[in-house]
Every structure is written in C-alpha cells, then in structure tokens.
Amino acid sequence: MMRIRLAAALVLAVAPSCVAQISRVAGAIQGNVVDQTGSAVAGASVRALNRSTNQSRTMLTNAEGYFRVGELPVGQYELHVESSGFSPYVNAAIVVSIGRVVLVVVRLAPATAQQQITVSEQALTIDPTQTTETTTIDHERIEESPVVSRNYLDFVLLAPQLTRSNVQGASGAKAPCR
C-alpha cells in the first residue's frame, strides 16, 4: 500500500513539470474575429503558417468568434483569416515565443466586388485582312515530320495543295513547286 501511495505522489509531482516543459518549448496564437461593427464572426477559417517550416494549422472560430492555435513551435507565423462575405485578412508579422500567447483581434472588412482580367499573348488564328491562303509549319511539326533532310524546301511540300513538279528544265534541274 505504501508503494502505491509513493508512486501516486511521484506521478502527481512530475505531471505539472511535464505540462510546464511543454509550454516552455511552444507558444500559442489566440484571438477574436470580428466584423467592422465589432460583432463576432463565427465559422471563420483561421490558418497559422510557420514561415520557416511551411507547416500550417487550420481551425474555425467558435460562435463568439474566438480561436486558439496552441502548442506552436517558436518562430515567425503568417495568420490567414477568411470568411464568406469578407475580404481575406493576412498578418505576416506574428512572432511566437517560448511559453507566450500572442493575442490578436482580427477585423474583417466586407468583401468588395472584384474584377479579374487575364491577358494571354496569342496570335490570331485568322487574319481578316489577308486574302491569300497561307500555311505555317512550326518547330514541333518540323520535328515530327517524316522528312529525311532538314532542307526547308522539303517542308514546303507539307503544305496542302502543293506537289513536286516532274518537269525538268534544259539544265536538268527540277522545276520549283507549284
């Protein structure tokens, strides 16, 4: 019986030091997410990204807009908060220290209408000012062609409606393509 009491006393004495040890090597980020009027934003997605390890932890705020990201290794973090109807919030200057809790109040601004224009550089496939028929043979088609030599005149024959002429001139040279 004495041994059981001694073992229980030892466990009770060591347990707080284990918790203290964990809190000495980690920190936390906690706070509230509110809108511009100060009302809580429930269900907002909160992501803490460790910039040196690229590891992240994600959670949702509770009904009061509260969140806590605990047991974070020491380092610099980016805090990303998103909720539908609001513009995203990013804070890249959060430093988590040993045993410290960083308090953050996140104010989300209403989302604004955004317009995105994507510009891609492409040539027109049809030139409306051109009245003649043309054929372009690109590098890929040249590489895949069954032509033995890489003479550009041989590639001309790949164009539709062109054939090699069998007519030979007086000098014995072949006539150009028609």
C-alpha atoms as a PDB file:
ATOM      1  CA  MET A   1       0.000   0.000   0.000  1.00  0.00           C
ATOM      2  CA  MET A   2       2.881   2.288   0.807  1.00  0.00           C
ATOM      3  CA  ARG A   3       4.367   1.745  -2.644  1.00  0.00           C
ATOM      4  CA  ILE A   4       1.110   2.733  -4.371  1.00  0.00           C
ATOM      5  CA  ARG A   5       0.941   5.965  -2.396  1.00  0.00           C
ATOM      6  CA  LEU A   6       4.565   6.701  -3.195  1.00  0.00           C
ATOM      7  CA  ALA A   7       4.003   6.034  -6.925  1.00  0.00           C
ATOM      8  CA  ALA A   8       0.871   8.241  -6.959  1.00  0.00           C
ATOM      9  CA  ALA A   9       2.739  11.054  -5.204  1.00  0.00           C
ATOM     10  CA  LEU A  10       5.565  10.760  -7.738  1.00  0.00           C
ATOM     11  CA  VAL A  11       3.133  10.929 -10.681  1.00  0.00           C
ATOM     12  CA  LEU A  12       1.394  13.973  -9.188  1.00  0.00           C
ATOM     13  CA  ALA A  13       4.736  15.677  -8.624  1.00  0.00           C
ATOM     14  CA  VAL A  14       6.024  15.003 -12.159  1.00  0.00           C
ATOM     15  CA  ALA A  15       2.805  15.811 -14.121  1.00  0.00           C
ATOM     16  CA  PRO A  16       2.892  19.614 -13.611  1.00  0.00           C
ATOM     17  CA  SER A  17       6.530  19.734 -14.615  1.00  0.00           C
ATOM     18  CA  CYS A  18       5.686  17.869 -17.852  1.00  0.00           C
ATOM     19  CA  VAL A  19       2.999  20.433 -18.668  1.00  0.00           C
ATOM     20  CA  ALA A  20       5.405  23.225 -17.796  1.00  0.00           C
ATOM     21  CA  GLN A  21       8.047  21.627 -20.017  1.00  0.00           C
ATOM     22  CA  ILE A  22       5.640  21.523 -22.971  1.00  0.00           C
ATOM     23  CA  SER A  23       4.702  25.168 -22.532  1.00  0.00           C
ATOM     24  CA  ARG A  24       8.393  26.142 -22.375  1.00  0.00           C
ATOM     25  CA  VAL A  25       9.103  24.879 -25.894  1.00  0.00           C
ATOM     26  CA  ALA A  26       5.925  26.144 -27.563  1.00  0.00           C
ATOM     27  CA  GLY A  27       3.653  29.156 -27.754  1.00  0.00           C
ATOM     28  CA  ALA A  28       0.167  29.995 -28.962  1.00  0.00           C
ATOM     29  CA  ILE A  29      -1.839  32.450 -31.023  1.00  0.00           C
ATOM     30  CA  GLN A  30      -5.328  33.302 -29.848  1.00  0.00           C
ATOM     31  CA  GLY A  31      -7.855  35.981 -30.502  1.00  0.00           C
ATOM     32  CA  ASN A  32     -11.228  37.040 -31.793  1.00  0.00           C
ATOM     33  CA  VAL A  33     -12.502  37.571 -35.315  1.00  0.00           C
ATOM     34  CA  VAL A  34     -14.960  40.436 -35.625  1.00  0.00           C
ATOM     35  CA  ASP A  35     -16.512  42.494 -38.399  1.00  0.00           C
ATOM     36  CA  GLN A  36     -16.260  46.279 -38.675  1.00  0.00           C
ATOM     37  CA  THR A  37     -19.137  46.787 -36.227  1.00  0.00           C
ATOM     38  CA  GLY A  38     -17.418  44.618 -33.597  1.00  0.00           C
ATOM     39  CA  SER A  39     -19.802  41.651 -33.975  1.00  0.00           C
ATOM     40  CA  ALA A  40     -18.275  38.186 -33.764  1.00  0.00           C
ATOM     41  CA  VAL A  41     -17.687  36.273 -36.990  1.00  0.00           C
ATOM     42  CA  ALA A  42     -18.489  32.614 -36.327  1.00  0.00           C
ATOM     43  CA  GLY A  43     -17.085  29.844 -38.535  1.00  0.00           C
ATOM     44  CA  ALA A  44     -14.230  31.884 -39.982  1.00  0.00           C
ATOM     45  CA  SER A  45     -11.273  29.815 -41.206  1.00  0.00           C
ATOM     46  CA  VAL A  46      -8.067  30.633 -39.308  1.00  0.00           C
ATOM     47  CA  ARG A  47      -4.731  29.304 -40.606  1.00  0.00           C
ATOM     48  CA  ALA A  48      -1.364  29.807 -38.891  1.00  0.00           C
ATOM     49  CA  LEU A  49       1.563  29.187 -41.253  1.00  0.00           C
ATOM     50  CA  ASN A  50       5.100  28.762 -39.889  1.00  0.00           C
ATOM     51  CA  ARG A  51       7.213  30.634 -42.423  1.00  0.00           C
ATOM     52  CA  SER A  52      10.429  28.721 -41.743  1.00  0.00           C
ATOM     53  CA  THR A  53       8.984  25.183 -41.895  1.00  0.00           C
ATOM     54  CA  ASN A  54       5.994  25.875 -44.190  1.00  0.00           C
ATOM     55  CA  GLN A  55       3.760  23.875 -41.827  1.00  0.00           C
ATOM     56  CA  SER A  56       0.301  25.180 -41.093  1.00  0.00           C
ATOM     57  CA  ARG A  57      -2.588  24.571 -38.694  1.00  0.00           C
ATOM     58  CA  THR A  58      -6.157  25.441 -39.619  1.00  0.00           C
ATOM     59  CA  MET A  59      -9.253  25.800 -37.440  1.00  0.00           C
ATOM     60  CA  LEU A  60     -12.636  27.526 -37.347  1.00  0.00           C
ATOM     61  CA  THR A  61     -13.760  30.235 -34.950  1.00  0.00           C
ATOM     62  CA  ASN A  62     -16.493  29.360 -32.466  1.00  0.00           C
ATOM     63  CA  ALA A  63     -19.870  31.122 -32.118  1.00  0.00           C
ATOM     64  CA  GLU A  64     -18.211  34.050 -30.289  1.00  0.00           C
ATOM     65  CA  GLY A  65     -15.542  34.434 -32.995  1.00  0.00           C
ATOM     66  CA  TYR A  66     -12.843  33.038 -30.658  1.00  0.00           C
ATOM     67  CA  PHE A  67      -9.919  30.917 -31.834  1.00  0.00           C
ATOM     68  CA  ARG A  68      -6.774  29.476 -30.247  1.00  0.00           C
ATOM     69  CA  VAL A  69      -3.902  27.811 -32.061  1.00  0.00           C
ATOM     70  CA  GLY A  70      -1.834  26.229 -29.302  1.00  0.00           C
ATOM     71  CA  GLU A  71       1.382  24.261 -28.976  1.00  0.00           C
ATOM     72  CA  LEU A  72       3.078  26.128 -31.825  1.00  0.00           C
ATOM     73  CA  PRO A  73       6.843  25.807 -32.210  1.00  0.00           C
ATOM     74  CA  VAL A  74       8.770  29.029 -31.769  1.00  0.00           C
ATOM     75  CA  GLY A  75       9.073  31.087 -34.949  1.00  0.00           C
ATOM     76  CA  GLN A  76       7.527  33.655 -37.246  1.00  0.00           C
ATOM     77  CA  TYR A  77       3.979  32.964 -38.439  1.00  0.00           C
ATOM     78  CA  GLU A  78       1.541  34.237 -41.036  1.00  0.00           C
ATOM     79  CA  LEU A  79      -2.066  34.359 -39.883  1.00  0.00           C
ATOM     80  CA  HIS A  80      -4.680  33.970 -42.636  1.00  0.00           C
ATOM     81  CA  VAL A  81      -8.363  34.513 -41.789  1.00  0.00           C
ATOM     82  CA  GLU A  82     -11.152  34.022 -44.313  1.00  0.00           C
ATOM     83  CA  SER A  83     -14.932  34.061 -44.123  1.00  0.00           C
ATOM     84  CA  SER A  84     -17.560  34.315 -46.847  1.00  0.00           C
ATOM     85  CA  GLY A  85     -18.729  37.858 -47.431  1.00  0.00           C
ATOM     86  CA  PHE A  86     -15.472  39.332 -46.108  1.00  0.00           C
ATOM     87  CA  SER A  87     -12.124  40.208 -47.631  1.00  0.00           C
ATOM     88  CA  PRO A  88      -9.286  37.890 -46.538  1.00  0.00           C
ATOM     89  CA  TYR A  89      -7.064  39.011 -43.643  1.00  0.00           C
ATOM     90  CA  VAL A  90      -3.315  38.305 -43.631  1.00  0.00           C
ATOM     91  CA  ASN A  91      -0.836  39.218 -40.884  1.00  0.00           C
ATOM     92  CA  ALA A  92       2.730  38.093 -41.663  1.00  0.00           C
ATOM     93  CA  ALA A  93       4.401  39.642 -38.610  1.00  0.00           C
ATOM     94  CA  ILE A  94       3.391  37.327 -35.764  1.00  0.00           C
ATOM     95  CA  VAL A  95       6.300  36.040 -33.691  1.00  0.00           C
ATOM     96  CA  VAL A  96       5.624  33.132 -31.335  1.00  0.00           C
ATOM     97  CA  SER A  97       7.988  32.929 -28.367  1.00  0.00           C
ATOM     98  CA  ILE A  98       8.555  30.229 -25.757  1.00  0.00           C
ATOM     99  CA  GLY A  99       5.649  29.979 -23.339  1.00  0.00           C
ATOM    100  CA  ARG A 100       3.939  33.126 -24.696  1.00  0.00           C
ATOM    101  CA  VAL A 101       0.434  33.620 -26.067  1.00  0.00           C
ATOM    102  CA  VAL A 102       0.120  36.169 -28.867  1.00  0.00           C
ATOM    103  CA  LEU A 103      -3.236  37.969 -28.659  1.00  0.00           C
ATOM    104  CA  VAL A 104      -4.772  39.082 -31.950  1.00  0.00           C
ATOM    105  CA  VAL A 105      -8.011  40.889 -32.763  1.00  0.00           C
ATOM    106  CA  VAL A 106      -8.879  40.358 -36.413  1.00  0.00           C
ATOM    107  CA  ARG A 107     -11.233  42.906 -38.005  1.00  0.00           C
ATOM    108  CA  LEU A 108     -12.616  41.623 -41.290  1.00  0.00           C
ATOM    109  CA  ALA A 109     -13.693  44.156 -43.894  1.00  0.00           C
ATOM    110  CA  PRO A 110     -16.683  43.471 -46.140  1.00  0.00           C
ATOM    111  CA  ALA A 111     -15.765  41.941 -49.470  1.00  0.00           C
ATOM    112  CA  THR A 112     -15.791  44.252 -52.437  1.00  0.00           C
ATOM    113  CA  ALA A 113     -16.675  43.416 -55.998  1.00  0.00           C
ATOM    114  CA  GLN A 114     -13.548  42.383 -57.812  1.00  0.00           C
ATOM    115  CA  GLN A 115     -12.881  42.119 -61.488  1.00  0.00           C
ATOM    116  CA  GLN A 116     -10.095  39.992 -62.854  1.00  0.00           C
ATOM    117  CA  ILE A 117      -8.713  40.363 -66.343  1.00  0.00           C
ATOM    118  CA  THR A 118      -6.405  37.710 -67.725  1.00  0.00           C
ATOM    119  CA  VAL A 119      -4.205  38.656 -70.649  1.00  0.00           C
ATOM    120  CA  SER A 120      -2.600  35.915 -72.666  1.00  0.00           C
ATOM    121  CA  GLU A 121      -0.320  36.505 -75.596  1.00  0.00           C
ATOM    122  CA  GLN A 122      -1.631  34.609 -78.606  1.00  0.00           C
ATOM    123  CA  ALA A 123      -1.624  35.419 -82.272  1.00  0.00           C
ATOM    124  CA  LEU A 124      -4.910  35.494 -84.102  1.00  0.00           C
ATOM    125  CA  THR A 125      -5.621  32.273 -85.969  1.00  0.00           C
ATOM    126  CA  ILE A 126      -7.350  34.137 -88.778  1.00  0.00           C
ATOM    127  CA  ASP A 127      -6.137  37.422 -90.201  1.00  0.00           C
ATOM    128  CA  PRO A 128      -9.230  39.114 -91.695  1.00  0.00           C
ATOM    129  CA  THR A 129      -7.080  41.444 -93.831  1.00  0.00           C
ATOM    130  CA  GLN A 130      -5.258  38.557 -95.575  1.00  0.00           C
ATOM    131  CA  THR A 131      -6.850  37.395 -98.849  1.00  0.00           C
ATOM    132  CA  THR A 132      -4.441  34.584 -99.711  1.00  0.00           C
ATOM    133  CA  GLU A 133      -4.140  31.142 -98.220  1.00  0.00           C
ATOM    134  CA  THR A 134      -1.026  30.541 -96.103  1.00  0.00           C
ATOM    135  CA  THR A 135       0.427  27.626 -94.199  1.00  0.00           C
ATOM    136  CA  THR A 136       2.687  27.891 -91.177  1.00  0.00           C
ATOM    137  CA  ILE A 137       4.943  24.998 -90.236  1.00  0.00           C
ATOM    138  CA  ASP A 138       6.085  25.353 -86.650  1.00  0.00           C
ATOM    139  CA  HIS A 139       9.071  23.791 -84.894  1.00  0.00           C
ATOM    140  CA  GLU A 140       7.035  20.933 -83.405  1.00  0.00           C
ATOM    141  CA  ARG A 141       5.669  19.918 -86.802  1.00  0.00           C
ATOM    142  CA  ILE A 142       9.179  20.013 -88.292  1.00  0.00           C
ATOM    143  CA  GLU A 143      10.487  17.723 -85.542  1.00  0.00           C
ATOM    144  CA  GLU A 144       7.647  15.231 -86.031  1.00  0.00           C
ATOM    145  CA  SER A 145       7.700  15.232 -89.847  1.00  0.00           C
ATOM    146  CA  PRO A 146       8.867  12.200 -91.829  1.00  0.00           C
ATOM    147  CA  VAL A 147      11.225  14.308 -93.968  1.00  0.00           C
ATOM    148  CA  VAL A 148      14.725  12.810 -94.055  1.00  0.00           C
ATOM    149  CA  SER A 149      16.634  16.029 -94.633  1.00  0.00           C
ATOM    150  CA  ARG A 150      16.052  19.313 -92.828  1.00  0.00           C
ATOM    151  CA  ASN A 151      16.008  21.302 -96.075  1.00  0.00           C
ATOM    152  CA  TYR A 152      13.321  23.979 -95.868  1.00  0.00           C
ATOM    153  CA  LEU A 153      12.198  23.289 -99.467  1.00  0.00           C
ATOM    154  CA  ASP A 154      11.214  19.774 -98.416  1.00  0.00           C
ATOM    155  CA  PHE A 155       8.939  21.258 -95.746  1.00  0.00           C
ATOM    156  CA  VAL A 156       7.159  23.395 -98.335  1.00  0.00           C
ATOM    157  CA  LEU A 157       5.727  20.191 -99.774  1.00  0.00           C
ATOM    158  CA  LEU A 158       3.946  19.535 -96.463  1.00  0.00           C
ATOM    159  CA  ALA A 159       1.551  22.409 -97.209  1.00  0.00           C
ATOM    160  CA  PRO A 160      -1.833  21.400 -98.678  1.00  0.00           C
ATOM    161  CA  GLN A 161      -2.309  21.633-102.452  1.00  0.00           C
ATOM    162  CA  LEU A 162       1.443  21.659-103.200  1.00  0.00           C
ATOM    163  CA  THR A 163       3.245  18.906-105.098  1.00  0.00           C
ATOM    164  CA  ARG A 164       6.693  18.488-106.593  1.00  0.00           C
ATOM    165  CA  SER A 165       6.778  19.132-110.313  1.00  0.00           C
ATOM    166  CA  ASN A 166       8.231  16.374-112.542  1.00  0.00           C
ATOM    167  CA  VAL A 167       9.076  18.836-115.297  1.00  0.00           C
ATOM    168  CA  GLN A 168      12.816  19.267-115.786  1.00  0.00           C
ATOM    169  CA  GLY A 169      14.361  22.293-117.448  1.00  0.00           C
ATOM    170  CA  ALA A 170      17.054  22.265-120.087  1.00  0.00           C
ATOM    171  CA  SER A 171      19.789  22.222-117.470  1.00  0.00           C
ATOM    172  CA  GLY A 172      18.366  19.075-115.896  1.00  0.00           C
ATOM    173  CA  ALA A 173      17.354  20.843-112.670  1.00  0.00           C
ATOM    174  CA  LYS A 174      13.956  20.222-111.179  1.00  0.00           C
ATOM    175  CA  ALA A 175      11.350  22.919-111.526  1.00  0.00           C
ATOM    176  CA  PRO A 176      10.108  24.632-108.363  1.00  0.00           C
ATOM    177  CA  CYS A 177       6.950  23.616-106.624  1.00  0.00           C
ATOM    178  CA  ARG A 178       3.611  24.871-107.836  1.00  0.00           C
END
